[in-house]
Amino acid sequence: MRPILATVSLNALRHNLAAVSKFAPHSKTMAVVKANGYGHGLINVAHGLSAADGFAVLGINEAIDLRDAGFQQTILLLEGVFGAQELNVASNLGLNVVIHSQLQLEMLELAHLVKPMHVHLKMNSGMNRLGFQPDAFMQALERLKACKNVADITLMTHFATADDETGIEKPLSLFKTITQGLNLPVSLANSATILRHPNAHTDWVRPGIMLYGASPVGDAAAAAYGLMPAMQFTSEVIGVQEVKAGETVGYGNRFTATQHTRVGIVACGYADGYPRHAGLVSNYQGGAPIAVAGKLTTTLGRVSMDMLFCDLTNIPEADIGASVELWGNQVPVDAVAAASDTVGYELLCAVAPRVPMKVVD
């Protein structure tokens, strides 16, 4: 079989969940497992994060899968329902539902549910993505309070700049001003807020990327926060070429050797989820980091659909069959992302279905 493999560590997931509790010891944890557990497999991740107080997902299909697998924790639909027909399903499954729009509010008011629902009312505090405008928030809250289909209400928002120097002071102040005096549970903190803004650790925190051992903060490595990578993305060298000075490598001749170079061909390409432009973006010098036979080196040239190139010149022992870590313990996914002008989130979520996945404790 082709040697590429994504290995998911349940121990790393448990470790990172424990780290959330260290940063926010007085908050309940809503583990974000949307996007197929950030590419790690929804049920795999749920088992590793089974000590979480709740799970946050995108669609009702993910919630159904979690319930069918036996998970009884709070499950939150982060974007709410997409049609009125989903409300009864969500109610029967005991799901928590975000209400972020007038349409969703009206659907809930008109629904005939077997039992009332737990809802999270979302404020748009400046990200301008989802949520009620601050001047409409209190009216929406009063309507929810009067709605027979509502069991209880949690207030929430999402910060656009928790991960950079702008911070959250302005949107947090806005949220507190609007909700002042309300004796209701609150959910504010994503991963970056958990790590950088303890003043926003409220009743619930919503960690996402930090659970998977990648950093939500561009200028800080995940290891600096004590996080462990939950995925090891590995393959092997399947070919070796001796390239002379002046010769080129790969499509578009994007790498030209300045000296005799020993080139390894690795069984991984963009059809596996590895970024095609890794190491070739304008704001990055040199190839993307990669580890071969336990030693760090770089990619060369443009990534192909099924293969990529790496420099073996200083790893003479590496030959066909040599182990390759694309990202994981030696090569942080965030480092590959930096070489590709993107973020670790995208790379983890983009691992292709054709890549075999193995779960280890």
Protein backbone atom coordinates (compact mmCIF):
# COMPACT_ATOMS: atom_id res chain seq x y z
CA MET A 1 0.00 0.00 0.00
CA ARG A 2 1.00 3.62 -0.53
CA PRO A 3 2.85 4.58 2.66
CA ILE A 4 1.07 7.84 3.51
CA LEU A 5 -0.73 7.88 6.87
CA ALA A 6 -2.39 10.27 9.32
CA THR A 7 -2.07 9.04 12.90
CA VAL A 8 -4.34 10.59 15.53
CA SER A 9 -3.27 10.48 19.17
CA LEU A 10 -6.04 10.27 21.77
CA ASN A 11 -3.46 10.96 24.47
CA ALA A 12 -2.52 14.26 22.81
CA LEU A 13 -6.19 15.25 22.63
CA ARG A 14 -6.64 14.45 26.32
CA HIS A 15 -3.48 16.41 27.14
CA ASN A 16 -4.65 19.48 25.23
CA LEU A 17 -8.10 19.33 26.83
CA ALA A 18 -6.40 19.29 30.23
CA ALA A 19 -4.41 22.35 29.14
CA VAL A 20 -7.68 24.20 28.51
CA SER A 21 -8.68 23.53 32.11
CA LYS A 22 -5.36 24.89 33.33
CA PHE A 23 -5.84 28.13 31.41
CA ALA A 24 -9.54 28.47 32.26
CA PRO A 25 -10.05 26.47 35.47
CA HIS A 26 -13.41 27.98 36.37
CA SER A 27 -15.11 27.51 33.00
CA LYS A 28 -16.91 24.58 31.42
CA THR A 29 -15.39 23.41 28.14
CA MET A 30 -17.29 23.25 24.86
CA ALA A 31 -14.85 21.37 22.62
CA VAL A 32 -15.19 22.45 19.00
CA VAL A 33 -15.19 19.33 16.83
CA LYS A 34 -16.69 20.70 13.60
CA ALA A 35 -15.14 20.03 10.18
CA ASN A 36 -14.80 16.32 10.94
CA GLY A 37 -12.89 17.09 14.13
CA TYR A 38 -10.63 19.57 12.31
CA GLY A 39 -9.68 16.77 9.92
CA HIS A 40 -8.91 14.23 12.66
CA GLY A 41 -12.20 12.32 12.41
CA LEU A 42 -15.27 13.40 14.39
CA ILE A 43 -15.74 10.24 16.44
CA ASN A 44 -11.99 9.78 16.93
CA VAL A 45 -11.79 13.25 18.41
CA ALA A 46 -14.90 12.81 20.53
CA HIS A 47 -13.36 9.75 22.18
CA GLY A 48 -10.15 11.66 22.89
CA LEU A 49 -12.11 14.62 24.25
CA SER A 50 -14.76 12.60 26.08
CA ALA A 51 -14.04 14.48 29.32
CA ALA A 52 -15.25 17.74 27.77
CA ASP A 53 -18.48 19.21 29.12
CA GLY A 54 -19.83 19.64 25.62
CA PHE A 55 -19.13 19.50 21.89
CA ALA A 56 -19.70 22.22 19.32
CA VAL A 57 -20.47 21.16 15.75
CA LEU A 58 -21.59 22.83 12.55
CA GLY A 59 -24.45 20.71 11.25
CA ILE A 60 -27.13 18.53 12.72
CA ASN A 61 -25.68 15.49 10.93
CA GLU A 62 -22.57 15.76 13.13
CA ALA A 63 -24.75 15.99 16.22
CA ILE A 64 -26.67 12.88 15.16
CA ASP A 65 -23.39 11.00 14.65
CA LEU A 66 -22.23 11.96 18.15
CA ARG A 67 -25.51 10.91 19.75
CA ASP A 68 -25.52 7.64 17.78
CA ALA A 69 -21.99 6.98 19.06
CA GLY A 70 -23.26 7.32 22.63
CA PHE A 71 -22.04 10.80 23.57
CA GLN A 72 -24.50 12.42 25.99
CA GLN A 73 -22.70 15.73 26.60
CA THR A 74 -24.15 19.08 25.67
CA ILE A 75 -23.95 19.47 21.89
CA LEU A 76 -24.12 22.95 20.39
CA LEU A 77 -25.04 23.73 16.77
CA LEU A 78 -22.71 26.67 16.14
CA GLU A 79 -24.68 28.09 13.22
CA GLY A 80 -28.04 26.98 14.52
CA VAL A 81 -30.52 25.26 12.24
CA PHE A 82 -30.70 25.85 8.50
CA GLY A 83 -34.42 25.12 8.21
CA ALA A 84 -37.47 24.83 10.43
CA GLN A 85 -37.62 21.06 9.90
CA GLU A 86 -34.36 20.69 11.84
CA LEU A 87 -35.80 22.17 15.03
CA ASN A 88 -37.77 19.08 16.04
CA VAL A 89 -34.76 16.86 15.37
CA ALA A 90 -32.57 19.14 17.46
CA SER A 91 -35.16 19.23 20.24
CA ASN A 92 -35.55 15.44 20.28
CA LEU A 93 -31.76 15.02 20.47
CA GLY A 94 -31.49 17.53 23.30
CA LEU A 95 -29.21 19.85 21.33
CA ASN A 96 -28.27 23.43 22.15
CA VAL A 97 -28.90 25.75 19.21
CA VAL A 98 -27.35 29.11 18.37
CA ILE A 99 -29.84 31.80 17.38
CA HIS A 100 -28.05 34.43 15.31
CA SER A 101 -30.70 35.86 12.99
CA GLN A 102 -34.24 37.15 12.85
CA LEU A 103 -35.25 34.26 10.61
CA GLN A 104 -34.02 31.65 13.10
CA LEU A 105 -35.83 33.46 15.90
CA GLU A 106 -39.08 33.44 13.94
CA MET A 107 -38.71 29.74 13.07
CA LEU A 108 -38.27 28.92 16.76
CA GLU A 109 -41.29 31.00 17.79
CA LEU A 110 -43.53 29.23 15.22
CA ALA A 111 -42.27 25.70 15.87
CA HIS A 112 -44.30 22.98 17.61
CA LEU A 113 -41.69 21.14 19.66
CA VAL A 114 -42.06 18.14 21.92
CA LYS A 115 -39.84 19.84 24.48
CA PRO A 116 -38.27 23.31 24.77
CA MET A 117 -34.68 23.90 23.67
CA HIS A 118 -31.50 25.31 25.12
CA VAL A 119 -30.51 28.29 22.97
CA HIS A 120 -27.38 30.44 22.68
CA LEU A 121 -28.18 33.99 21.60
CA LYS A 122 -25.32 35.42 19.56
CA MET A 123 -24.29 39.05 19.40
CA ASN A 124 -22.34 40.54 16.52
CA SER A 125 -19.70 42.43 18.49
CA GLY A 126 -17.69 43.56 15.48
CA MET A 127 -16.73 40.52 13.43
CA ASN A 128 -19.74 41.15 11.16
CA ARG A 129 -20.20 37.50 10.38
CA LEU A 130 -23.12 36.07 12.39
CA GLY A 131 -25.16 37.49 15.24
CA PHE A 132 -27.65 40.20 16.15
CA GLN A 133 -26.44 43.78 16.04
CA PRO A 134 -25.95 45.17 19.56
CA ASP A 135 -28.95 47.49 19.26
CA ALA A 136 -31.20 44.54 18.33
CA PHE A 137 -29.79 42.08 20.84
CA MET A 138 -31.98 42.90 23.83
CA GLN A 139 -35.17 42.76 21.79
CA ALA A 140 -34.18 39.30 20.53
CA LEU A 141 -33.46 38.25 24.11
CA GLU A 142 -36.90 39.39 25.31
CA ARG A 143 -38.56 37.42 22.52
CA LEU A 144 -36.61 34.30 23.49
CA LYS A 145 -37.58 34.75 27.12
CA ALA A 146 -41.22 34.85 26.07
CA CYS A 147 -40.93 31.89 23.69
CA LYS A 148 -42.56 28.63 24.85
CA ASN A 149 -39.95 26.64 22.91
CA VAL A 150 -37.02 27.98 24.92
CA ALA A 151 -35.82 26.16 28.05
CA ASP A 152 -32.88 28.42 28.89
CA ILE A 153 -30.60 30.98 27.28
CA THR A 154 -26.83 31.42 27.08
CA LEU A 155 -25.35 34.66 25.73
CA MET A 156 -22.43 34.49 23.32
CA THR A 157 -20.24 36.34 20.87
CA HIS A 158 -17.09 35.63 18.85
CA PHE A 159 -13.97 37.79 18.68
CA ALA A 160 -12.33 38.68 15.37
CA THR A 161 -8.93 39.78 16.72
CA ALA A 162 -8.25 37.72 19.85
CA ASP A 163 -5.14 36.33 18.16
CA ASP A 164 -3.39 39.62 17.32
CA GLU A 165 -2.27 42.88 18.87
CA THR A 166 -5.72 44.47 18.45
CA GLY A 167 -7.06 42.19 21.16
CA ILE A 168 -10.63 42.03 22.43
CA GLU A 169 -11.00 45.11 24.63
CA LYS A 170 -13.45 46.94 22.37
CA PRO A 171 -15.83 44.06 21.50
CA LEU A 172 -15.68 42.69 25.06
CA SER A 173 -16.58 46.10 26.46
CA LEU A 174 -19.46 46.36 24.00
CA PHE A 175 -20.76 42.92 24.93
CA LYS A 176 -20.54 43.68 28.67
CA THR A 177 -22.29 47.01 28.25
CA ILE A 178 -25.22 45.50 26.36
CA THR A 179 -25.59 42.50 28.69
CA GLN A 180 -24.96 44.33 31.97
CA GLY A 181 -27.21 43.13 34.78
CA LEU A 182 -28.36 39.97 33.02
CA ASN A 183 -28.08 36.87 35.16
CA LEU A 184 -27.54 34.43 32.31
CA PRO A 185 -24.71 32.06 31.36
CA VAL A 186 -22.11 33.49 28.96
CA SER A 187 -19.83 31.91 26.32
CA LEU A 188 -17.07 34.06 24.80
CA ALA A 189 -13.64 32.49 24.54
CA ASN A 190 -12.22 30.66 21.54
CA SER A 191 -8.69 29.20 21.64
CA ALA A 192 -6.87 32.51 21.24
CA THR A 193 -9.04 34.13 23.90
CA ILE A 194 -8.46 31.21 26.28
CA LEU A 195 -4.70 31.58 25.90
CA ARG A 196 -4.40 35.39 25.82
CA HIS A 197 -7.41 36.98 27.51
CA PRO A 198 -8.34 35.43 30.87
CA ASN A 199 -10.74 38.33 31.54
CA ALA A 200 -13.05 36.72 28.97
CA HIS A 201 -13.13 33.27 30.60
CA THR A 202 -16.82 33.03 31.44
CA ASP A 203 -19.24 30.14 32.13
CA TRP A 204 -18.24 28.36 28.93
CA VAL A 205 -15.05 28.42 26.83
CA ARG A 206 -14.99 27.12 23.26
CA PRO A 207 -11.52 25.74 22.42
CA GLY A 208 -10.93 24.65 18.86
CA ILE A 209 -7.50 24.57 17.23
CA MET A 210 -5.60 24.34 20.53
CA LEU A 211 -7.23 20.96 21.19
CA TYR A 212 -5.46 19.63 18.10
CA GLY A 213 -2.04 20.91 19.15
CA ALA A 214 -1.75 23.84 16.78
CA SER A 215 -1.47 27.49 17.74
CA PRO A 216 -4.22 30.09 17.29
CA VAL A 217 -1.65 32.84 17.80
CA GLY A 218 0.51 33.66 14.79
CA ASP A 219 3.64 34.72 16.68
CA ALA A 220 3.62 31.92 19.27
CA ALA A 221 4.26 28.20 18.79
CA ALA A 222 1.79 25.67 20.16
CA ALA A 223 4.58 24.14 22.24
CA ALA A 224 4.97 27.46 24.06
CA TYR A 225 1.51 26.84 25.52
CA GLY A 226 2.29 23.22 26.40
CA LEU A 227 0.18 21.78 23.58
CA MET A 228 0.88 18.47 21.81
CA PRO A 229 0.16 17.76 18.12
CA ALA A 230 -2.78 15.39 17.81
CA MET A 231 -1.93 14.37 14.23
CA GLN A 232 1.24 12.87 12.79
CA PHE A 233 1.11 13.15 8.99
CA THR A 234 3.71 10.75 7.61
CA SER A 235 4.89 9.03 4.46
CA GLU A 236 8.07 7.61 2.91
CA VAL A 237 10.64 8.37 0.25
CA ILE A 238 9.69 6.41 -2.89
CA GLY A 239 12.44 7.62 -5.22
CA VAL A 240 15.81 9.41 -5.25
CA GLN A 241 17.33 11.56 -8.00
CA GLU A 242 20.84 12.97 -8.30
CA VAL A 243 20.45 16.49 -9.70
CA LYS A 244 23.39 18.48 -11.09
CA ALA A 245 23.97 22.20 -10.65
CA GLY A 246 21.78 24.09 -13.13
CA GLU A 247 19.18 21.33 -13.42
CA THR A 248 15.59 21.86 -12.30
CA VAL A 249 13.04 19.93 -10.30
CA GLY A 250 9.30 19.49 -10.77
CA TYR A 251 6.54 21.27 -12.64
CA GLY A 252 7.34 24.80 -13.74
CA ASN A 253 11.05 24.45 -12.92
CA ARG A 254 10.43 26.20 -9.60
CA PHE A 255 13.66 24.88 -8.10
CA THR A 256 17.03 25.12 -9.82
CA ALA A 257 19.99 23.39 -8.17
CA THR A 258 22.98 25.62 -7.44
CA GLN A 259 25.10 22.58 -6.59
CA HIS A 260 24.88 18.82 -6.83
CA THR A 261 21.67 17.99 -4.96
CA ARG A 262 20.28 14.69 -3.80
CA VAL A 263 16.51 14.88 -4.20
CA GLY A 264 13.99 12.62 -2.47
CA ILE A 265 10.55 11.99 -3.93
CA VAL A 266 7.89 11.57 -1.24
CA ALA A 267 4.53 9.84 -1.56
CA CYS A 268 2.39 12.88 -0.72
CA GLY A 269 0.85 15.56 -2.89
CA TYR A 270 -1.86 18.16 -3.00
CA ALA A 271 -4.49 15.48 -3.62
CA ASP A 272 -3.60 14.24 -0.13
CA GLY A 273 -4.11 17.69 1.35
CA TYR A 274 -0.54 18.97 1.34
CA PRO A 275 -0.46 22.56 0.01
CA ARG A 276 0.64 22.78 -3.63
CA HIS A 277 2.45 26.09 -3.06
CA ALA A 278 4.31 25.10 0.14
CA GLY A 279 7.63 26.93 0.29
CA LEU A 280 6.90 28.96 -2.84
CA VAL A 281 4.86 31.88 -1.48
CA SER A 282 6.27 35.36 -1.95
CA ASN A 283 6.66 36.15 1.75
CA TYR A 284 8.64 32.99 2.53
CA GLN A 285 12.23 32.10 1.64
CA GLY A 286 13.22 28.47 1.15
CA GLY A 287 11.24 25.26 1.05
CA ALA A 288 8.72 24.12 3.62
CA PRO A 289 10.10 22.21 6.62
CA ILE A 290 9.94 18.43 6.44
CA ALA A 291 11.68 15.63 8.37
CA VAL A 292 13.31 12.64 6.66
CA ALA A 293 14.80 9.74 8.63
CA GLY A 294 14.36 11.84 11.75
CA LYS A 295 16.31 14.84 10.40
CA LEU A 296 14.95 18.22 9.38
CA THR A 297 15.26 19.36 5.79
CA THR A 298 13.09 21.26 3.28
CA THR A 299 10.84 20.62 0.33
CA LEU A 300 12.01 21.58 -3.16
CA GLY A 301 10.01 22.99 -6.03
CA ARG A 302 6.30 22.70 -6.61
CA VAL A 303 4.21 19.97 -5.00
CA SER A 304 2.59 17.59 -7.49
CA MET A 305 -0.78 15.88 -7.19
CA ASP A 306 0.64 12.70 -5.65
CA MET A 307 4.29 13.50 -4.86
CA LEU A 308 6.58 16.17 -3.54
CA PHE A 309 10.35 16.74 -3.56
CA CYS A 310 12.72 17.20 -0.64
CA ASP A 311 16.43 17.84 -0.17
CA LEU A 312 18.39 14.75 0.93
CA THR A 313 21.83 16.21 0.26
CA ASN A 314 22.73 16.35 3.95
CA ILE A 315 20.95 13.12 4.85
CA PRO A 316 23.07 10.55 3.01
CA GLU A 317 21.53 7.63 4.89
CA ALA A 318 18.06 8.45 3.56
CA ASP A 319 17.06 6.27 0.61
CA ILE A 320 13.91 4.68 -0.77
CA GLY A 321 11.79 3.64 2.19
CA ALA A 322 13.10 6.35 4.52
CA SER A 323 10.47 7.69 6.90
CA VAL A 324 9.04 11.16 6.30
CA GLU A 325 7.15 13.42 8.68
CA LEU A 326 5.13 16.02 6.80
CA TRP A 327 3.95 17.52 10.08
CA GLY A 328 3.65 16.27 13.62
CA ASN A 329 6.15 16.02 16.47
CA GLN A 330 9.25 17.25 14.64
CA VAL A 331 7.58 19.55 12.15
CA PRO A 332 4.78 21.70 13.60
CA VAL A 333 1.81 22.01 11.29
CA ASP A 334 1.99 25.76 11.90
CA ALA A 335 5.49 25.82 10.39
CA VAL A 336 4.24 24.19 7.19
CA ALA A 337 1.34 26.63 7.20
CA ALA A 338 3.71 29.59 7.54
CA ALA A 339 5.62 28.33 4.50
CA SER A 340 2.32 28.16 2.62
CA ASP A 341 0.91 31.56 3.60
CA THR A 342 -1.98 30.00 5.48
CA VAL A 343 -2.86 28.69 8.94
CA GLY A 344 -2.62 25.30 10.59
CA TYR A 345 -6.42 25.07 10.69
CA GLU A 346 -6.59 24.85 6.90
CA LEU A 347 -3.93 22.16 6.57
CA LEU A 348 -5.47 19.91 9.22
CA CYS A 349 -8.96 20.28 7.78
CA ALA A 350 -7.68 19.64 4.25
CA VAL A 351 -6.23 16.15 4.81
CA ALA A 352 -7.92 14.18 2.05
CA PRO A 353 -10.28 11.23 2.57
CA ARG A 354 -7.91 9.06 0.54
CA VAL A 355 -5.29 9.32 3.29
CA PRO A 356 -5.61 6.34 5.66
CA MET A 357 -6.16 7.32 9.29
CA LYS A 358 -4.93 5.40 12.32
CA VAL A 359 -5.97 6.10 15.90
CA VAL A 360 -3.56 5.40 18.75
CA ASP A 361 -3.95 5.91 22.45
